[in-house]
Structure formats: structure tokens, C-alpha cells
Amino acid sequence: MSTATSSNAMADAYAIGQSLWLDYIQKSLLDGELQRMINEDQLKGLTSNPAIFEQAIANTNEYDETIAAIVADQSDVSELELFNQLAIADIQAAADAFADTYEETDGVDGMVSLEVTPELAHDAAGTIKMGMELHGRVNRPNLMIKVPGTSEGVKAFEALTALGINVNVTLLFSVSRYKEIAQAYIRGLERRHADGHSIARIASVASFFVSRVDVSADKALDALGSAEAKALTGKIAIANAKVAYGHFVNLFGSEQFTKLKEQGARPQRLLWASTGVKNPDYSDVLYIEELIGPDTVNTVPPKTLEAFMDHGVAESRLTGGLAQAHKDISSLTGLGVSLSDLTDSLEADGIKSFEEAFGRLLKVLADKRQTLAS
């Protein structure tokens, strides 16, 4: 087992092959703290989502001056466009902060993600259109367009990849959906190459959610109450992630991908998302420490990242225990709990949660523009 020895846990993880990204954005973060984390802590990227922006805009007055200025200049601006202007400005500033990281890693890291609106989760054409629009408006090479990993999202992702747009496919809970996404990435690259375009420096990540799987599985296991069920609590999310990683290794080491790699293609890295621990009985760095391995990313909320920097240990644990992971999932099935049913529900709930957060965000913007105008 590989163990790093420096005093910086993020640097240790990076030495093993995992990039730590920050799952957070707020205007005040962009005033200097983000650059410090990049320079001193080896932070390698940033992700955002509707819930993060909702919290940042609703719970601070940091955006009020900009909101007032936009509304004064564009009195008929919609709440959606108002949000887009606020978000794009933040994303551009974050992308600029990571510009050196992007160049130093030859476009592997230094990425900043901006999500299409949640209402497009089941609209492939709409997702493609908005993805292209945001890509053009942000106008930064290290932007990733974030697309939900629904069945329609798979189609949109393939098309955007064929257009040469970096994509972060989010809200992945099941291994089967992850495999669809990975194959869509390869098809997108093949289409782009067949059209005579370069496939070098196209970056993509598959955001595989972790903690929410344990929340759902543990609830089902607790209801069973048997010793066999209790023995599996806190294990299913890690097992699910390890099985996905096994498929990543096989697919991107395959002859099919080797041909694309010879043309400059890069593997679509697995990104562990939802890595803040929900159960206080578990280690607060569980979903970082257990999932460190080569060619991966972990996007981490601020408190969890602080905990990892304080007392986390970086070891290459992801590559071991695959047989046990399969055994744990088989044991879950044997107890009558369907992991696929759980992950299907989690995908639907994840989309609904982001839709609700986005709805609250638009309501906050409507209220703020009225208050600031009076």
C-alpha cells in the first residue's frame, strides 16, 4: 500500500494520483483564499451546483451590489439571466485563478464546473444548447459544463464531447449508469476524431456520488436489523465506488481506448462526489481516505476538506479490496435489498433536490431585486 509522507494531505493524495477539488464557490472565496489554497495546499479544481449558488447568494449580501447594477442596467432581465450573469462572473474568476494549474498539468486539472439548469435533466437537446451557450459565454479553456447523468444526459454528454467541450457528468449513483457514461465519452471522442478534429486535451470527469448511497443503504439495512445487515452498514457506498473504479481501469486500459489514446485522448476520470459524511458515527474523512487512487478526483465540501487537511491520511486504498466490494454488494442483494432500486431513487431525488434549490435561488433573486430597487 502506497503511503505519502509529507505534511500536506492534499499533496500526499496528489502524489498517489488523486486530485482534490473544492465543492464550493462564493464571491468572497475568490478574493484571495482560493488562490492561497491553490498555491499552498495543491487544490486542483472546483465544482459548483445550484444548491451551492443558492446558499452563496441567499445567505450573504456579497452579490447585492452586482444584482442592483445589473437590474439598473437591464430592467427587464429575467431571474434566470440574472443568475447566469452572477454565476458566469464567479466561474470566470475561479477559472482564471486555476489558469496556471491548467497549464502546468497540460489541461488535466485546473478545471472549474458550471451546471446547466436542473429543469433540463431530461431534455437532451436543451442540455446541448445550454451547454454550448455557457461554454461560449464563460470562454475559458478550463471550464467544464456540468450535465446530469440521466438517460437524456448521456445523449447530451456524447454530443458535447463530440463538439470538443469539457464535461462533468454529475449525479451518478449506479455502476450501470457510470458504464453508459464512460462508453458515451468514448463514442463522443470517436465521432470527433472521425470528423477530423483533434481529441487531445479534451477533459471529462464522471461524478460518482458516495455518501448518499450509504444513507439510503444503511436505512434499508437498519430496518432489517439482523447481524448480517448490521455488518454491511457503512460499507455499500465504498463498495459501489470500488466496483465502478474496476470498470474504469478495464475500459480505459482496453484496446478500444488505446487507439484513441494514440490520437491524444485522455481517460475520463472518476470523480468522487457527495463525499461529506452524513452519519456522525463514521469518520469525517471516510469518503476521502477510502477512495484515494490513481487517475481519480475527489470534490470535497469545505468542512470535510479542512478535516482531511487536519487529520487525514493519504494512502492508496482504492485499488485494493475489489473482491470484497463485490461480495458486500452480493450480500446486500442476498438480504433482499436492491442496490439498483436504491440508486434509481437517489438519481430521481438528486434531480428533484437541485430543481428545488434552483427554484429557491430564483425566488431569492426576485426578492432581492425588488428590495434593492426600493
Protein backbone atom coordinates (compact mmCIF):
# COMPACT_ATOMS: atom_id res chain seq x y z
CA MET A 1 0.00 0.00 0.00
CA SER A 2 1.39 3.37 -1.03
CA THR A 3 1.53 5.94 1.76
CA ALA A 4 2.74 9.52 1.32
CA THR A 5 4.86 11.21 3.99
CA SER A 6 4.58 14.98 3.56
CA SER A 7 2.76 17.27 5.99
CA ASN A 8 0.11 18.22 3.42
CA ALA A 9 -2.60 15.57 2.98
CA MET A 10 -3.79 17.08 -0.31
CA ALA A 11 -0.26 16.96 -1.71
CA ASP A 12 0.04 13.39 -0.45
CA ALA A 13 -3.13 12.37 -2.27
CA TYR A 14 -1.91 14.08 -5.44
CA ALA A 15 1.37 12.17 -5.26
CA ILE A 16 -0.67 8.94 -5.27
CA GLY A 17 -2.66 10.10 -8.30
CA GLN A 18 -5.78 11.78 -6.93
CA SER A 19 -6.63 15.45 -7.44
CA LEU A 20 -8.60 17.21 -4.69
CA TRP A 21 -11.14 19.75 -5.92
CA LEU A 22 -13.31 22.08 -3.85
CA ASP A 23 -17.08 21.56 -4.00
CA TYR A 24 -17.94 25.17 -3.21
CA ILE A 25 -17.96 28.66 -4.63
CA GLN A 26 -18.75 32.07 -3.18
CA LYS A 27 -17.75 35.58 -4.20
CA SER A 28 -15.62 36.19 -1.09
CA LEU A 29 -13.67 32.97 -1.70
CA LEU A 30 -12.44 34.46 -4.96
CA ASP A 31 -10.83 37.45 -3.23
CA GLY A 32 -7.69 35.58 -2.19
CA GLU A 33 -8.45 32.44 -0.19
CA LEU A 34 -8.94 30.36 -3.33
CA GLN A 35 -5.56 31.42 -4.70
CA ARG A 36 -3.93 30.58 -1.36
CA MET A 37 -5.43 27.09 -1.42
CA ILE A 38 -4.15 26.60 -4.96
CA ASN A 39 -0.65 27.86 -4.15
CA GLU A 40 -0.16 26.36 -0.69
CA ASP A 41 -2.43 23.32 -0.47
CA GLN A 42 -2.34 21.98 -4.04
CA LEU A 43 -6.05 22.41 -4.61
CA LYS A 44 -6.54 21.32 -8.23
CA GLY A 45 -10.05 22.35 -9.26
CA LEU A 46 -13.54 23.47 -8.25
CA THR A 47 -17.11 22.33 -8.74
CA SER A 48 -20.41 24.17 -8.30
CA ASN A 49 -24.08 23.25 -8.39
CA PRO A 50 -27.44 25.02 -7.97
CA ALA A 51 -27.56 24.32 -4.22
CA ILE A 52 -24.10 25.84 -3.69
CA PHE A 53 -25.01 29.01 -5.58
CA GLU A 54 -28.34 29.22 -3.75
CA GLN A 55 -26.56 29.18 -0.39
CA ALA A 56 -23.96 31.72 -1.51
CA ILE A 57 -26.48 34.22 -2.90
CA ALA A 58 -29.28 33.73 -0.37
CA ASN A 59 -27.19 33.74 2.78
CA THR A 60 -24.84 36.67 2.09
CA ASN A 61 -25.06 40.23 0.80
CA GLU A 62 -21.93 39.74 -1.31
CA TYR A 63 -23.91 39.75 -4.55
CA ASP A 64 -26.29 42.61 -3.74
CA GLU A 65 -24.26 45.39 -5.34
CA THR A 66 -23.85 43.42 -8.57
CA ILE A 67 -27.54 42.46 -8.62
CA ALA A 68 -28.53 46.11 -8.21
CA ALA A 69 -26.18 47.18 -11.01
CA ILE A 70 -27.44 44.52 -13.42
CA VAL A 71 -31.09 45.32 -12.73
CA ALA A 72 -30.45 49.07 -13.08
CA ASP A 73 -28.83 48.49 -16.46
CA GLN A 74 -31.26 45.79 -17.66
CA SER A 75 -34.62 46.42 -16.04
CA ASP A 76 -36.32 43.57 -17.91
CA VAL A 77 -33.67 40.95 -17.11
CA SER A 78 -35.15 37.58 -16.10
CA GLU A 79 -34.17 35.89 -12.85
CA LEU A 80 -32.54 33.10 -14.89
CA GLU A 81 -30.40 35.54 -16.85
CA LEU A 82 -29.61 37.44 -13.67
CA PHE A 83 -28.33 34.23 -12.14
CA ASN A 84 -26.37 33.36 -15.28
CA GLN A 85 -24.55 36.69 -15.17
CA LEU A 86 -23.68 36.28 -11.47
CA ALA A 87 -22.59 32.66 -11.88
CA ILE A 88 -20.57 33.27 -15.04
CA ALA A 89 -18.63 36.08 -13.37
CA ASP A 90 -17.75 33.81 -10.42
CA ILE A 91 -16.85 30.89 -12.67
CA GLN A 92 -14.65 33.07 -14.87
CA ALA A 93 -12.80 34.39 -11.80
CA ALA A 94 -12.30 30.86 -10.47
CA ALA A 95 -11.13 29.61 -13.87
CA ASP A 96 -8.62 32.44 -14.04
CA ALA A 97 -7.33 31.51 -10.57
CA PHE A 98 -6.74 27.96 -11.80
CA ALA A 99 -5.22 29.01 -15.14
CA ASP A 100 -1.66 28.20 -14.08
CA THR A 101 -2.75 24.81 -12.72
CA TYR A 102 -4.44 24.08 -16.03
CA GLU A 103 -1.28 24.85 -17.99
CA GLU A 104 1.10 23.15 -15.55
CA THR A 105 -0.91 19.91 -15.72
CA ASP A 106 -1.34 20.16 -19.52
CA GLY A 107 -5.09 20.56 -19.16
CA VAL A 108 -5.68 17.61 -16.84
CA ASP A 109 -6.51 19.71 -13.77
CA GLY A 110 -7.36 23.33 -13.02
CA MET A 111 -10.97 22.70 -14.05
CA VAL A 112 -14.00 24.67 -12.86
CA SER A 113 -17.53 23.29 -13.35
CA LEU A 114 -20.75 25.15 -14.13
CA GLU A 115 -24.01 23.21 -14.31
CA VAL A 116 -26.83 23.52 -16.83
CA THR A 117 -30.19 24.31 -15.22
CA PRO A 118 -31.79 21.30 -13.46
CA GLU A 119 -35.01 21.59 -15.47
CA LEU A 120 -33.04 20.26 -18.48
CA ALA A 121 -32.20 16.93 -16.79
CA HIS A 122 -34.50 15.02 -19.17
CA ASP A 123 -34.01 17.26 -22.22
CA ALA A 124 -31.01 16.25 -24.32
CA ALA A 125 -31.47 18.94 -26.98
CA GLY A 126 -31.94 21.65 -24.36
CA THR A 127 -28.89 20.48 -22.45
CA ILE A 128 -26.73 20.56 -25.58
CA LYS A 129 -27.96 24.04 -26.45
CA MET A 130 -27.36 25.45 -22.98
CA GLY A 131 -24.03 23.65 -22.67
CA MET A 132 -22.82 25.29 -25.87
CA GLU A 133 -24.14 28.68 -24.75
CA LEU A 134 -22.44 28.55 -21.34
CA HIS A 135 -19.23 27.28 -22.93
CA GLY A 136 -19.20 30.31 -25.22
CA ARG A 137 -20.15 32.83 -22.57
CA VAL A 138 -17.63 31.72 -19.95
CA ASN A 139 -14.98 31.47 -22.67
CA ARG A 140 -12.30 29.74 -20.60
CA PRO A 141 -10.42 26.61 -21.73
CA ASN A 142 -10.59 25.14 -18.23
CA LEU A 143 -14.39 25.28 -17.95
CA MET A 144 -16.33 22.06 -17.54
CA ILE A 145 -20.01 22.07 -18.37
CA LYS A 146 -21.85 20.02 -15.77
CA VAL A 147 -24.58 17.72 -17.11
CA PRO A 148 -26.81 15.37 -15.07
CA GLY A 149 -26.18 11.70 -15.80
CA THR A 150 -29.76 10.84 -16.73
CA SER A 151 -30.58 8.78 -19.82
CA GLU A 152 -31.08 12.02 -21.78
CA GLY A 153 -27.94 13.43 -20.16
CA VAL A 154 -25.95 10.53 -21.62
CA LYS A 155 -27.00 11.60 -25.12
CA ALA A 156 -26.21 15.25 -24.44
CA PHE A 157 -22.82 14.38 -22.98
CA GLU A 158 -21.82 12.36 -26.04
CA ALA A 159 -22.80 15.22 -28.34
CA LEU A 160 -20.96 17.85 -26.28
CA THR A 161 -17.84 15.66 -26.21
CA ALA A 162 -18.01 15.33 -29.99
CA LEU A 163 -18.08 19.15 -30.10
CA GLY A 164 -14.87 19.27 -28.05
CA ILE A 165 -16.48 20.64 -24.89
CA ASN A 166 -15.17 19.53 -21.49
CA VAL A 167 -17.99 17.91 -19.49
CA ASN A 168 -18.51 16.91 -15.87
CA VAL A 169 -21.28 14.29 -15.82
CA THR A 170 -22.95 14.52 -12.42
CA LEU A 171 -25.50 12.70 -10.24
CA LEU A 172 -24.14 9.23 -10.99
CA PHE A 173 -25.14 6.66 -8.38
CA SER A 174 -25.15 3.31 -10.18
CA VAL A 175 -22.34 1.37 -11.79
CA SER A 176 -24.56 0.59 -14.77
CA ARG A 177 -25.19 4.28 -15.47
CA TYR A 178 -21.49 5.01 -15.00
CA LYS A 179 -20.66 2.40 -17.66
CA GLU A 180 -23.12 4.09 -20.03
CA ILE A 181 -21.39 7.42 -19.42
CA ALA A 182 -17.91 6.02 -19.97
CA GLN A 183 -18.99 4.45 -23.25
CA ALA A 184 -20.68 7.70 -24.31
CA TYR A 185 -17.38 9.50 -23.72
CA ILE A 186 -15.57 7.08 -25.99
CA ARG A 187 -18.26 7.37 -28.66
CA GLY A 188 -18.06 11.16 -28.48
CA LEU A 189 -14.30 11.06 -28.96
CA GLU A 190 -14.66 8.61 -31.86
CA ARG A 191 -17.21 10.88 -33.54
CA ARG A 192 -14.96 13.90 -33.13
CA HIS A 193 -11.92 12.06 -34.45
CA ALA A 194 -13.91 10.71 -37.42
CA ASP A 195 -14.91 14.29 -38.26
CA GLY A 196 -11.23 15.21 -38.48
CA HIS A 197 -10.96 17.20 -35.25
CA SER A 198 -8.35 16.90 -32.52
CA ILE A 199 -9.28 14.91 -29.44
CA ALA A 200 -6.23 15.97 -27.45
CA ARG A 201 -6.72 17.95 -24.23
CA ILE A 202 -10.43 17.15 -24.01
CA ALA A 203 -11.11 16.59 -20.31
CA SER A 204 -14.06 14.89 -18.67
CA VAL A 205 -15.00 13.52 -15.27
CA ALA A 206 -17.77 11.19 -14.18
CA SER A 207 -19.11 12.44 -10.83
CA PHE A 208 -19.98 9.31 -8.86
CA PHE A 209 -21.90 10.11 -5.67
CA VAL A 210 -20.88 8.34 -2.48
CA SER A 211 -22.33 9.34 0.91
CA ARG A 212 -25.93 9.41 -0.23
CA VAL A 213 -25.63 5.72 -1.19
CA ASP A 214 -24.71 4.83 2.40
CA VAL A 215 -27.56 6.95 3.78
CA SER A 216 -30.03 5.02 1.64
CA ALA A 217 -28.47 1.58 2.06
CA ASP A 218 -27.97 1.99 5.81
CA LYS A 219 -31.63 2.90 6.23
CA ALA A 220 -32.67 -0.30 4.48
CA LEU A 221 -30.15 -2.36 6.48
CA ASP A 222 -31.22 -0.82 9.78
CA ALA A 223 -34.82 -1.76 9.01
CA LEU A 224 -33.77 -5.40 8.62
CA GLY A 225 -31.98 -5.32 11.96
CA SER A 226 -30.15 -8.65 11.58
CA ALA A 227 -26.48 -9.18 12.42
CA GLU A 228 -25.77 -9.76 8.72
CA ALA A 229 -27.43 -6.46 7.85
CA LYS A 230 -25.61 -4.53 10.56
CA ALA A 231 -22.28 -5.91 9.33
CA LEU A 232 -22.86 -4.16 5.98
CA THR A 233 -23.71 -0.70 7.32
CA GLY A 234 -21.28 1.95 6.16
CA LYS A 235 -19.79 -0.35 3.52
CA ILE A 236 -22.05 -0.20 0.47
CA ALA A 237 -21.07 3.25 -0.83
CA ILE A 238 -17.38 2.42 -0.80
CA ALA A 239 -18.05 -0.98 -2.37
CA ASN A 240 -20.17 0.63 -5.10
CA ALA A 241 -17.39 3.12 -5.85
CA LYS A 242 -14.71 0.43 -5.95
CA VAL A 243 -16.73 -1.62 -8.45
CA ALA A 244 -17.11 1.47 -10.64
CA TYR A 245 -13.35 2.04 -10.43
CA GLY A 246 -12.74 -1.55 -11.51
CA HIS A 247 -14.74 -0.87 -14.67
CA PHE A 248 -12.80 2.39 -15.20
CA VAL A 249 -9.49 0.52 -15.11
CA ASN A 250 -10.71 -2.14 -17.53
CA LEU A 251 -12.36 0.20 -20.01
CA PHE A 252 -9.67 2.83 -20.23
CA GLY A 253 -6.99 0.16 -20.41
CA SER A 254 -8.81 -1.58 -23.25
CA GLU A 255 -7.76 -1.86 -26.89
CA GLN A 256 -10.76 0.31 -27.84
CA PHE A 257 -9.47 3.23 -25.81
CA THR A 258 -5.79 2.59 -26.61
CA LYS A 259 -6.49 3.52 -30.24
CA LEU A 260 -7.97 6.85 -29.11
CA LYS A 261 -5.13 7.38 -26.63
CA GLU A 262 -2.68 7.15 -29.53
CA GLN A 263 -4.53 10.16 -31.00
CA GLY A 264 -4.10 12.17 -27.79
CA ALA A 265 -7.29 11.15 -25.94
CA ARG A 266 -7.33 11.11 -22.16
CA PRO A 267 -9.38 8.84 -19.92
CA GLN A 268 -12.50 10.21 -18.33
CA ARG A 269 -11.54 10.22 -14.66
CA LEU A 270 -13.91 9.11 -11.96
CA LEU A 271 -14.71 11.98 -9.60
CA TRP A 272 -16.00 11.09 -6.15
CA ALA A 273 -18.80 13.47 -5.21
CA SER A 274 -21.05 13.79 -2.17
CA THR A 275 -18.03 12.99 0.00
CA GLY A 276 -19.10 14.89 3.10
CA VAL A 277 -20.02 12.30 5.74
CA LYS A 278 -23.72 12.33 6.68
CA ASN A 279 -23.51 9.84 9.58
CA PRO A 280 -21.74 11.27 12.66
CA ASP A 281 -20.76 7.74 13.71
CA TYR A 282 -18.42 7.49 10.73
CA SER A 283 -15.00 9.10 10.34
CA ASP A 284 -15.39 12.62 8.93
CA VAL A 285 -12.78 11.78 6.28
CA LEU A 286 -14.10 8.29 5.42
CA TYR A 287 -15.04 9.09 1.83
CA ILE A 288 -11.68 10.67 1.10
CA GLU A 289 -9.33 8.19 2.74
CA GLU A 290 -11.02 5.07 1.39
CA LEU A 291 -11.21 6.32 -2.21
CA ILE A 292 -7.70 7.60 -2.93
CA GLY A 293 -6.22 6.01 -6.02
CA PRO A 294 -4.63 6.75 -9.40
CA ASP A 295 -6.41 8.79 -12.07
CA THR A 296 -9.24 9.96 -9.83
CA VAL A 297 -10.64 13.21 -8.45
CA ASN A 298 -12.45 13.89 -5.18
CA THR A 299 -14.50 17.07 -4.96
CA VAL A 300 -14.87 17.95 -1.30
CA PRO A 301 -17.02 20.42 0.68
CA PRO A 302 -15.01 22.95 2.76
CA LYS A 303 -15.53 21.39 6.21
CA THR A 304 -14.57 17.93 5.01
CA LEU A 305 -11.52 19.31 3.25
CA GLU A 306 -10.47 21.10 6.43
CA ALA A 307 -10.83 17.84 8.36
CA PHE A 308 -8.72 15.98 5.83
CA MET A 309 -6.01 18.63 5.97
CA ASP A 310 -6.11 18.45 9.78
CA HIS A 311 -6.02 14.71 10.42
CA GLY A 312 -6.46 12.81 7.15
CA VAL A 313 -4.01 10.17 5.96
CA ALA A 314 -3.40 9.66 2.25
CA GLU A 315 -2.95 6.01 1.28
CA SER A 316 -3.74 4.22 -1.96
CA ARG A 317 -6.73 2.20 -0.76
CA LEU A 318 -8.97 2.37 -3.80
CA THR A 319 -7.08 -0.25 -5.79
CA GLY A 320 -7.48 -2.94 -3.11
CA GLY A 321 -10.50 -4.85 -1.88
CA LEU A 322 -12.39 -5.17 -5.17
CA ALA A 323 -13.32 -8.80 -4.48
CA GLN A 324 -14.66 -7.79 -1.05
CA ALA A 325 -16.62 -4.94 -2.65
CA HIS A 326 -18.37 -7.37 -4.99
CA LYS A 327 -19.01 -9.68 -2.04
CA ASP A 328 -20.57 -6.86 0.02
CA ILE A 329 -22.92 -5.90 -2.81
CA SER A 330 -23.87 -9.55 -3.34
CA SER A 331 -24.58 -9.85 0.38
CA LEU A 332 -26.84 -6.79 0.18
CA THR A 333 -28.78 -8.42 -2.65
CA GLY A 334 -28.95 -11.64 -0.68
CA LEU A 335 -30.66 -9.74 2.13
CA GLY A 336 -33.36 -8.65 -0.29
CA VAL A 337 -32.14 -5.06 -0.77
CA SER A 338 -31.86 -3.98 -4.41
CA LEU A 339 -28.95 -1.60 -4.92
CA SER A 340 -30.27 -0.68 -8.36
CA ASP A 341 -33.61 0.34 -6.86
CA LEU A 342 -31.80 2.46 -4.28
CA THR A 343 -29.63 4.19 -6.90
CA ASP A 344 -32.59 4.82 -9.22
CA SER A 345 -34.37 6.57 -6.35
CA LEU A 346 -31.24 8.55 -5.49
CA GLU A 347 -30.91 9.82 -9.05
CA ALA A 348 -34.54 10.99 -9.08
CA ASP A 349 -34.16 12.55 -5.63
CA GLY A 350 -30.90 14.27 -6.64
CA ILE A 351 -32.52 15.91 -9.64
CA LYS A 352 -35.51 16.97 -7.55
CA SER A 353 -33.21 18.42 -4.87
CA PHE A 354 -31.31 20.52 -7.40
CA GLU A 355 -34.58 21.65 -9.03
CA GLU A 356 -35.87 22.79 -5.64
CA ALA A 357 -32.60 24.57 -4.83
CA PHE A 358 -32.72 26.31 -8.20
CA GLY A 359 -36.32 27.33 -7.63
CA ARG A 360 -35.38 28.81 -4.24
CA LEU A 361 -32.47 30.61 -5.88
CA LEU A 362 -34.69 32.26 -8.50
CA LYS A 363 -37.11 33.29 -5.72
CA VAL A 364 -34.23 34.83 -3.73
CA LEU A 365 -33.14 36.78 -6.80
CA ALA A 366 -36.68 38.00 -7.42
CA ASP A 367 -36.95 39.16 -3.78
CA LYS A 368 -33.52 40.79 -3.81
CA ARG A 369 -34.08 42.74 -7.00
CA GLN A 370 -37.32 44.09 -5.55
CA THR A 371 -35.72 45.01 -2.21
CA LEU A 372 -32.63 46.57 -3.80
CA ALA A 373 -34.76 48.60 -6.21
CA SER A 374 -36.88 50.13 -3.43
